[in-house]
Amino acid sequence: MDQPEQVQPHAGARRTDAAQIKRDAAELAKLAGEIPPAVEQANKGILSKDLNDRLKRIEKLSKQLRRELYE
């Protein structure tokens, strides 16, 4: 079974709030799970009015998590 690559934060990494990271990751997962049905509806000609907002939130959360974990 493949193991995920493990990386160590660099020495200058600021202290991260593990609870906040966990909440952000859970929100990101929830939002990501909502996208496939919304895309399926869009393919049928029914575009959700908040799909763009969800996608922007996903982008913001992913950038925030990357920054917290790797910078």
PDB file of N, CA and C in Angstrom:
ATOM      1  N   MET A   1       0.844  -1.178   0.000  1.00  0.00           N
ATOM      2  CA  MET A   1       0.000   0.000   0.000  1.00  0.00           C
ATOM      3  C   MET A   1       0.889   1.241   0.000  1.00  0.00           C
ATOM      4  N   ASP A   2       0.572   2.205  -0.811  1.00  0.00           N
ATOM      5  CA  ASP A   2       1.364   3.428  -0.900  1.00  0.00           C
ATOM      6  C   ASP A   2       1.166   4.289   0.342  1.00  0.00           C
ATOM      7  N   GLN A   3       2.261   4.797   0.834  1.00  0.00           N
ATOM      8  CA  GLN A   3       2.227   5.702   1.983  1.00  0.00           C
ATOM      9  C   GLN A   3       2.340   7.126   1.481  1.00  0.00           C
ATOM     10  N   PRO A   4       1.603   8.071   2.088  1.00  0.00           N
ATOM     11  CA  PRO A   4       1.759   9.464   1.666  1.00  0.00           C
ATOM     12  C   PRO A   4       3.160   9.962   1.975  1.00  0.00           C
ATOM     13  N   GLU A   5       3.645  10.835   1.120  1.00  0.00           N
ATOM     14  CA  GLU A   5       4.959  11.426   1.341  1.00  0.00           C
ATOM     15  C   GLU A   5       4.923  12.258   2.611  1.00  0.00           C
ATOM     16  N   GLN A   6       5.937  12.130   3.424  1.00  0.00           N
ATOM     17  CA  GLN A   6       6.007  12.892   4.662  1.00  0.00           C
ATOM     18  C   GLN A   6       7.068  13.966   4.512  1.00  0.00           C
ATOM     19  N   VAL A   7       6.684  15.190   4.856  1.00  0.00           N
ATOM     20  CA  VAL A   7       7.616  16.307   4.815  1.00  0.00           C
ATOM     21  C   VAL A   7       7.609  16.990   6.162  1.00  0.00           C
ATOM     22  N   GLN A   8       8.760  17.497   6.524  1.00  0.00           N
ATOM     23  CA  GLN A   8       8.896  18.226   7.778  1.00  0.00           C
ATOM     24  C   GLN A   8       8.735  19.709   7.510  1.00  0.00           C
ATOM     25  N   PRO A   9       8.012  20.431   8.375  1.00  0.00           N
ATOM     26  CA  PRO A   9       7.933  21.878   8.193  1.00  0.00           C
ATOM     27  C   PRO A   9       9.319  22.486   8.320  1.00  0.00           C
ATOM     28  N   HIS A  10       9.569  23.550   7.587  1.00  0.00           N
ATOM     29  CA  HIS A  10      10.892  24.168   7.672  1.00  0.00           C
ATOM     30  C   HIS A  10      11.063  24.870   9.022  1.00  0.00           C
ATOM     31  N   ALA A  11      12.292  25.156   9.365  1.00  0.00           N
ATOM     32  CA  ALA A  11      12.631  25.663  10.696  1.00  0.00           C
ATOM     33  C   ALA A  11      11.913  26.961  11.047  1.00  0.00           C
ATOM     34  N   GLY A  12      11.620  27.800  10.080  1.00  0.00           N
ATOM     35  CA  GLY A  12      10.988  29.087  10.360  1.00  0.00           C
ATOM     36  C   GLY A  12       9.473  29.033  10.399  1.00  0.00           C
ATOM     37  N   ALA A  13       8.908  27.843  10.367  1.00  0.00           N
ATOM     38  CA  ALA A  13       7.449  27.724  10.335  1.00  0.00           C
ATOM     39  C   ALA A  13       6.825  28.307  11.595  1.00  0.00           C
ATOM     40  N   ARG A  14       5.781  29.087  11.387  1.00  0.00           N
ATOM     41  CA  ARG A  14       5.087  29.645  12.546  1.00  0.00           C
ATOM     42  C   ARG A  14       4.225  28.562  13.172  1.00  0.00           C
ATOM     43  N   ARG A  15       3.898  28.747  14.399  1.00  0.00           N
ATOM     44  CA  ARG A  15       3.084  27.775  15.107  1.00  0.00           C
ATOM     45  C   ARG A  15       1.665  27.775  14.528  1.00  0.00           C
ATOM     46  N   THR A  16       1.169  26.601  14.218  1.00  0.00           N
ATOM     47  CA  THR A  16      -0.154  26.503  13.628  1.00  0.00           C
ATOM     48  C   THR A  16      -1.170  26.070  14.677  1.00  0.00           C
ATOM     49  N   ASP A  17      -2.397  26.465  14.471  1.00  0.00           N
ATOM     50  CA  ASP A  17      -3.497  26.091  15.342  1.00  0.00           C
ATOM     51  C   ASP A  17      -4.095  24.801  14.789  1.00  0.00           C
ATOM     52  N   ALA A  18      -3.746  23.675  15.399  1.00  0.00           N
ATOM     53  CA  ALA A  18      -4.160  22.371  14.893  1.00  0.00           C
ATOM     54  C   ALA A  18      -5.681  22.242  14.848  1.00  0.00           C
ATOM     55  N   ALA A  19      -6.376  22.780  15.819  1.00  0.00           N
ATOM     56  CA  ALA A  19      -7.837  22.691  15.838  1.00  0.00           C
ATOM     57  C   ALA A  19      -8.440  23.467  14.665  1.00  0.00           C
ATOM     58  N   GLN A  20      -7.889  24.632  14.364  1.00  0.00           N
ATOM     59  CA  GLN A  20      -8.401  25.434  13.241  1.00  0.00           C
ATOM     60  C   GLN A  20      -8.107  24.740  11.920  1.00  0.00           C
ATOM     61  N   ILE A  21      -6.939  24.163  11.799  1.00  0.00           N
ATOM     62  CA  ILE A  21      -6.593  23.439  10.577  1.00  0.00           C
ATOM     63  C   ILE A  21      -7.561  22.282  10.379  1.00  0.00           C
ATOM     64  N   LYS A  22      -7.880  21.580  11.451  1.00  0.00           N
ATOM     65  CA  LYS A  22      -8.810  20.456  11.363  1.00  0.00           C
ATOM     66  C   LYS A  22     -10.203  20.939  10.946  1.00  0.00           C
ATOM     67  N   ARG A  23     -10.659  22.060  11.507  1.00  0.00           N
ATOM     68  CA  ARG A  23     -11.967  22.615  11.127  1.00  0.00           C
ATOM     69  C   ARG A  23     -11.976  23.033   9.656  1.00  0.00           C
ATOM     70  N   ASP A  24     -10.902  23.692   9.229  1.00  0.00           N
ATOM     71  CA  ASP A  24     -10.807  24.127   7.832  1.00  0.00           C
ATOM     72  C   ASP A  24     -10.798  22.927   6.892  1.00  0.00           C
ATOM     73  N   ALA A  25     -10.072  21.888   7.257  1.00  0.00           N
ATOM     74  CA  ALA A  25     -10.003  20.686   6.425  1.00  0.00           C
ATOM     75  C   ALA A  25     -11.375  20.007   6.349  1.00  0.00           C
ATOM     76  N   ALA A  26     -12.092  19.978   7.460  1.00  0.00           N
ATOM     77  CA  ALA A  26     -13.433  19.384   7.459  1.00  0.00           C
ATOM     78  C   ALA A  26     -14.389  20.197   6.585  1.00  0.00           C
ATOM     79  N   GLU A  27     -14.305  21.522   6.669  1.00  0.00           N
ATOM     80  CA  GLU A  27     -15.150  22.367   5.835  1.00  0.00           C
ATOM     81  C   GLU A  27     -14.810  22.174   4.363  1.00  0.00           C
ATOM     82  N   LEU A  28     -13.521  22.093   4.057  1.00  0.00           N
ATOM     83  CA  LEU A  28     -13.072  21.877   2.684  1.00  0.00           C
ATOM     84  C   LEU A  28     -13.618  20.554   2.145  1.00  0.00           C
ATOM     85  N   ALA A  29     -13.544  19.507   2.949  1.00  0.00           N
ATOM     86  CA  ALA A  29     -14.047  18.196   2.530  1.00  0.00           C
ATOM     87  C   ALA A  29     -15.557  18.240   2.300  1.00  0.00           C
ATOM     88  N   LYS A  30     -16.270  18.920   3.176  1.00  0.00           N
ATOM     89  CA  LYS A  30     -17.724  19.035   3.039  1.00  0.00           C
ATOM     90  C   LYS A  30     -18.085  19.770   1.756  1.00  0.00           C
ATOM     91  N   LEU A  31     -17.425  20.907   1.527  1.00  0.00           N
ATOM     92  CA  LEU A  31     -17.695  21.681   0.323  1.00  0.00           C
ATOM     93  C   LEU A  31     -17.344  20.895  -0.938  1.00  0.00           C
ATOM     94  N   ALA A  32     -16.219  20.209  -0.907  1.00  0.00           N
ATOM     95  CA  ALA A  32     -15.793  19.425  -2.070  1.00  0.00           C
ATOM     96  C   ALA A  32     -16.799  18.322  -2.382  1.00  0.00           C
ATOM     97  N   GLY A  33     -17.401  17.749  -1.361  1.00  0.00           N
ATOM     98  CA  GLY A  33     -18.412  16.711  -1.560  1.00  0.00           C
ATOM     99  C   GLY A  33     -19.693  17.247  -2.180  1.00  0.00           C
ATOM    100  N   GLU A  34     -19.940  18.527  -2.031  1.00  0.00           N
ATOM    101  CA  GLU A  34     -21.151  19.139  -2.583  1.00  0.00           C
ATOM    102  C   GLU A  34     -21.002  19.513  -4.059  1.00  0.00           C
ATOM    103  N   ILE A  35     -19.784  19.527  -4.564  1.00  0.00           N
ATOM    104  CA  ILE A  35     -19.550  19.992  -5.929  1.00  0.00           C
ATOM    105  C   ILE A  35     -20.035  19.009  -7.000  1.00  0.00           C
ATOM    106  N   PRO A  36     -19.731  17.709  -6.923  1.00  0.00           N
ATOM    107  CA  PRO A  36     -20.180  16.811  -8.002  1.00  0.00           C
ATOM    108  C   PRO A  36     -21.687  16.852  -8.284  1.00  0.00           C
ATOM    109  N   PRO A  37     -22.554  16.833  -7.267  1.00  0.00           N
ATOM    110  CA  PRO A  37     -23.989  16.935  -7.582  1.00  0.00           C
ATOM    111  C   PRO A  37     -24.357  18.279  -8.226  1.00  0.00           C
ATOM    112  N   ALA A  38     -23.692  19.344  -7.805  1.00  0.00           N
ATOM    113  CA  ALA A  38     -23.966  20.664  -8.384  1.00  0.00           C
ATOM    114  C   ALA A  38     -23.518  20.710  -9.848  1.00  0.00           C
ATOM    115  N   VAL A  39     -22.402  20.057 -10.155  1.00  0.00           N
ATOM    116  CA  VAL A  39     -21.921  20.003 -11.543  1.00  0.00           C
ATOM    117  C   VAL A  39     -22.877  19.154 -12.386  1.00  0.00           C
ATOM    118  N   GLU A  40     -23.347  18.069 -11.816  1.00  0.00           N
ATOM    119  CA  GLU A  40     -24.314  17.222 -12.522  1.00  0.00           C
ATOM    120  C   GLU A  40     -25.576  18.010 -12.851  1.00  0.00           C
ATOM    121  N   GLN A  41     -26.050  18.806 -11.909  1.00  0.00           N
ATOM    122  CA  GLN A  41     -27.218  19.663 -12.151  1.00  0.00           C
ATOM    123  C   GLN A  41     -26.912  20.700 -13.226  1.00  0.00           C
ATOM    124  N   ALA A  42     -25.701  21.264 -13.178  1.00  0.00           N
ATOM    125  CA  ALA A  42     -25.303  22.250 -14.194  1.00  0.00           C
ATOM    126  C   ALA A  42     -25.290  21.622 -15.585  1.00  0.00           C
ATOM    127  N   ASN A  43     -24.873  20.371 -15.670  1.00  0.00           N
ATOM    128  CA  ASN A  43     -24.878  19.664 -16.953  1.00  0.00           C
ATOM    129  C   ASN A  43     -26.293  19.466 -17.482  1.00  0.00           C
ATOM    130  N   LYS A  44     -27.270  19.490 -16.575  1.00  0.00           N
ATOM    131  CA  LYS A  44     -28.677  19.359 -16.968  1.00  0.00           C
ATOM    132  C   LYS A  44     -29.321  20.718 -17.198  1.00  0.00           C
ATOM    133  N   GLY A  45     -28.510  21.775 -17.098  1.00  0.00           N
ATOM    134  CA  GLY A  45     -29.021  23.111 -17.365  1.00  0.00           C
ATOM    135  C   GLY A  45     -29.517  23.849 -16.139  1.00  0.00           C
ATOM    136  N   ILE A  46     -29.294  23.281 -14.949  1.00  0.00           N
ATOM    137  CA  ILE A  46     -29.729  23.921 -13.706  1.00  0.00           C
ATOM    138  C   ILE A  46     -28.485  24.338 -12.933  1.00  0.00           C
ATOM    139  N   LEU A  47     -28.180  25.611 -12.986  1.00  0.00           N
ATOM    140  CA  LEU A  47     -26.974  26.117 -12.345  1.00  0.00           C
ATOM    141  C   LEU A  47     -27.308  26.657 -10.963  1.00  0.00           C
ATOM    142  N   SER A  48     -26.667  26.099  -9.957  1.00  0.00           N
ATOM    143  CA  SER A  48     -26.864  26.546  -8.582  1.00  0.00           C
ATOM    144  C   SER A  48     -26.333  27.968  -8.427  1.00  0.00           C
ATOM    145  N   LYS A  49     -27.129  28.814  -7.789  1.00  0.00           N
ATOM    146  CA  LYS A  49     -26.707  30.209  -7.657  1.00  0.00           C
ATOM    147  C   LYS A  49     -25.508  30.374  -6.735  1.00  0.00           C
ATOM    148  N   ASP A  50     -25.274  29.422  -5.834  1.00  0.00           N
ATOM    149  CA  ASP A  50     -24.140  29.559  -4.921  1.00  0.00           C
ATOM    150  C   ASP A  50     -22.942  28.679  -5.277  1.00  0.00           C
ATOM    151  N   LEU A  51     -22.977  28.021  -6.436  1.00  0.00           N
ATOM    152  CA  LEU A  51     -21.862  27.168  -6.849  1.00  0.00           C
ATOM    153  C   LEU A  51     -20.570  27.966  -6.949  1.00  0.00           C
ATOM    154  N   ASN A  52     -20.625  29.136  -7.548  1.00  0.00           N
ATOM    155  CA  ASN A  52     -19.426  29.962  -7.681  1.00  0.00           C
ATOM    156  C   ASN A  52     -18.875  30.333  -6.301  1.00  0.00           C
ATOM    157  N   ASP A  53     -19.758  30.670  -5.358  1.00  0.00           N
ATOM    158  CA  ASP A  53     -19.310  31.000  -4.005  1.00  0.00           C
ATOM    159  C   ASP A  53     -18.649  29.801  -3.328  1.00  0.00           C
ATOM    160  N   ARG A  54     -19.221  28.613  -3.516  1.00  0.00           N
ATOM    161  CA  ARG A  54     -18.624  27.403  -2.935  1.00  0.00           C
ATOM    162  C   ARG A  54     -17.241  27.151  -3.515  1.00  0.00           C
ATOM    163  N   LEU A  55     -17.117  27.306  -4.834  1.00  0.00           N
ATOM    164  CA  LEU A  55     -15.818  27.079  -5.474  1.00  0.00           C
ATOM    165  C   LEU A  55     -14.777  28.086  -4.996  1.00  0.00           C
ATOM    166  N   LYS A  56     -15.188  29.325  -4.817  1.00  0.00           N
ATOM    167  CA  LYS A  56     -14.261  30.335  -4.289  1.00  0.00           C
ATOM    168  C   LYS A  56     -13.849  30.002  -2.864  1.00  0.00           C
ATOM    169  N   ARG A  57     -14.789  29.524  -2.054  1.00  0.00           N
ATOM    170  CA  ARG A  57     -14.483  29.157  -0.669  1.00  0.00           C
ATOM    171  C   ARG A  57     -13.513  27.974  -0.633  1.00  0.00           C
ATOM    172  N   ILE A  58     -13.724  27.008  -1.521  1.00  0.00           N
ATOM    173  CA  ILE A  58     -12.811  25.867  -1.615  1.00  0.00           C
ATOM    174  C   ILE A  58     -11.404  26.351  -1.951  1.00  0.00           C
ATOM    175  N   GLU A  59     -11.316  27.242  -2.913  1.00  0.00           N
ATOM    176  CA  GLU A  59     -10.009  27.778  -3.305  1.00  0.00           C
ATOM    177  C   GLU A  59      -9.344  28.497  -2.130  1.00  0.00           C
ATOM    178  N   LYS A  60     -10.107  29.317  -1.434  1.00  0.00           N
ATOM    179  CA  LYS A  60      -9.563  30.066  -0.300  1.00  0.00           C
ATOM    180  C   LYS A  60      -9.092  29.124   0.810  1.00  0.00           C
ATOM    181  N   LEU A  61      -9.913  28.121   1.142  1.00  0.00           N
ATOM    182  CA  LEU A  61      -9.538  27.172   2.190  1.00  0.00           C
ATOM    183  C   LEU A  61      -8.308  26.370   1.804  1.00  0.00           C
ATOM    184  N   SER A  62      -8.223  25.943   0.554  1.00  0.00           N
ATOM    185  CA  SER A  62      -7.066  25.140   0.147  1.00  0.00           C
ATOM    186  C   SER A  62      -5.785  25.961   0.205  1.00  0.00           C
ATOM    187  N   LYS A  63      -5.856  27.221  -0.226  1.00  0.00           N
ATOM    188  CA  LYS A  63      -4.681  28.087  -0.134  1.00  0.00           C
ATOM    189  C   LYS A  63      -4.295  28.336   1.318  1.00  0.00           C
ATOM    190  N   GLN A  64      -5.290  28.549   2.157  1.00  0.00           N
ATOM    191  CA  GLN A  64      -5.041  28.798   3.575  1.00  0.00           C
ATOM    192  C   GLN A  64      -4.405  27.581   4.241  1.00  0.00           C
ATOM    193  N   LEU A  65      -4.919  26.395   3.954  1.00  0.00           N
ATOM    194  CA  LEU A  65      -4.345  25.176   4.527  1.00  0.00           C
ATOM    195  C   LEU A  65      -2.918  24.957   4.038  1.00  0.00           C
ATOM    196  N   ARG A  66      -2.686  25.169   2.751  1.00  0.00           N
ATOM    197  CA  ARG A  66      -1.337  25.010   2.211  1.00  0.00           C
ATOM    198  C   ARG A  66      -0.373  25.959   2.899  1.00  0.00           C
ATOM    199  N   ARG A  67      -0.810  27.196   3.077  1.00  0.00           N
ATOM    200  CA  ARG A  67       0.034  28.204   3.725  1.00  0.00           C
ATOM    201  C   ARG A  67       0.332  27.805   5.175  1.00  0.00           C
ATOM    202  N   GLU A  68      -0.687  27.368   5.892  1.00  0.00           N
ATOM    203  CA  GLU A  68      -0.506  26.993   7.299  1.00  0.00           C
ATOM    204  C   GLU A  68       0.396  25.767   7.452  1.00  0.00           C
ATOM    205  N   LEU A  69       0.282  24.831   6.541  1.00  0.00           N
ATOM    206  CA  LEU A  69       1.028  23.582   6.675  1.00  0.00           C
ATOM    207  C   LEU A  69       2.431  23.634   6.096  1.00  0.00           C
ATOM    208  N   TYR A  70       2.666  24.471   5.092  1.00  0.00           N
ATOM    209  CA  TYR A  70       3.946  24.428   4.383  1.00  0.00           C
ATOM    210  C   TYR A  70       4.779  25.689   4.442  1.00  0.00           C
ATOM    211  N   GLU A  71       4.257  26.754   4.994  1.00  0.00           N
ATOM    212  CA  GLU A  71       5.070  27.979   5.061  1.00  0.00           C
ATOM    213  C   GLU A  71       5.496  28.251   6.481  1.00  0.00           C
TER     214      GLU A  71
END
